[in-house]
Amino acid sequence: MGSWMVPTAYLLGAGWFFATAIILGVFLGHWVDEKTGLEPTFTLIGIFVGLAVALVGGIRMLQPFMRRIGGGGSEQG
């Protein structure tokens, strides 16, 4: 097995997380809009909440990966 498989699987998982968070935010916002009649208020809120969840979760998810790939230290000279 190639050494590329583990990083690829890790990044694919992160990509699915980003997509799922954003899409769920949009769909939930749209659903609330249909129930309340306040279109596009909750859809926009859902987009921003989904983006925020994707950003925060993605950073937390990718930090260990970046440390492992980058060697864990910052070399400044």
Protein backbone atom coordinates (compact mmCIF):
# COMPACT_ATOMS: atom_id res chain seq x y z
CA MET A 1 0.00 0.00 0.00
CA GLY A 2 1.22 3.46 -0.83
CA SER A 3 2.03 6.11 1.71
CA TRP A 4 -0.47 8.37 -0.02
CA MET A 5 -3.52 6.40 1.15
CA VAL A 6 -3.71 7.60 4.75
CA PRO A 7 -3.43 11.33 3.95
CA THR A 8 -5.88 10.92 1.08
CA ALA A 9 -8.45 9.20 3.30
CA TYR A 10 -7.99 11.86 5.96
CA LEU A 11 -8.54 14.69 3.49
CA LEU A 12 -11.54 12.95 1.93
CA GLY A 13 -13.10 12.70 5.38
CA ALA A 14 -12.49 16.39 5.96
CA GLY A 15 -14.04 17.22 2.58
CA TRP A 16 -17.15 15.22 3.41
CA PHE A 17 -17.37 17.01 6.74
CA PHE A 18 -17.19 20.44 5.06
CA ALA A 19 -19.82 19.51 2.47
CA THR A 20 -22.17 17.92 4.99
CA ALA A 21 -22.01 20.85 7.41
CA ILE A 22 -22.74 23.43 4.73
CA ILE A 23 -25.47 21.42 3.00
CA LEU A 24 -27.22 20.62 6.30
CA GLY A 25 -27.14 24.30 7.23
CA VAL A 26 -28.73 25.27 3.92
CA PHE A 27 -31.41 22.56 4.05
CA LEU A 28 -32.32 23.23 7.68
CA GLY A 29 -32.52 26.96 7.00
CA HIS A 30 -34.70 26.39 3.95
CA TRP A 31 -36.97 24.06 5.91
CA VAL A 32 -37.43 26.66 8.67
CA ASP A 33 -38.11 29.29 6.00
CA GLU A 34 -40.91 27.16 4.56
CA LYS A 35 -42.45 26.72 8.02
CA THR A 36 -42.24 30.40 8.99
CA GLY A 37 -42.61 32.13 5.63
CA LEU A 38 -39.57 34.32 6.29
CA GLU A 39 -37.68 33.42 3.12
CA PRO A 40 -34.62 33.78 2.72
CA THR A 41 -33.79 34.74 6.32
CA PHE A 42 -33.19 31.29 7.78
CA THR A 43 -31.57 29.98 4.61
CA LEU A 44 -28.94 32.70 4.90
CA ILE A 45 -28.52 32.01 8.61
CA GLY A 46 -28.18 28.30 7.80
CA ILE A 47 -25.48 29.04 5.23
CA PHE A 48 -23.46 31.07 7.71
CA VAL A 49 -23.92 28.57 10.54
CA GLY A 50 -22.95 25.71 8.22
CA LEU A 51 -19.85 27.61 7.10
CA ALA A 52 -18.89 28.36 10.70
CA VAL A 53 -19.33 24.73 11.74
CA ALA A 54 -17.32 23.59 8.71
CA LEU A 55 -14.54 26.08 9.44
CA VAL A 56 -14.20 25.36 13.16
CA GLY A 57 -14.65 21.60 12.79
CA GLY A 58 -12.36 21.47 9.76
CA ILE A 59 -9.58 23.31 11.58
CA ARG A 60 -9.90 20.98 14.57
CA MET A 61 -9.97 17.98 12.27
CA LEU A 62 -6.98 19.02 10.16
CA GLN A 63 -4.64 20.30 12.90
CA PRO A 64 -3.30 16.85 13.88
CA PHE A 65 -2.91 15.99 10.19
CA MET A 66 -0.96 19.18 9.49
CA ARG A 67 1.28 18.62 12.53
CA ARG A 68 2.04 15.09 11.38
CA ILE A 69 2.73 16.10 7.77
CA GLY A 70 4.69 19.23 8.73
CA GLY A 71 6.89 17.47 11.27
CA GLY A 72 5.26 19.13 14.26
CA GLY A 73 7.70 22.00 14.69
CA SER A 74 8.29 25.39 13.25
CA GLU A 75 11.87 26.00 12.29
CA GLN A 76 12.81 29.64 12.25
CA GLY A 77 16.32 30.77 11.91
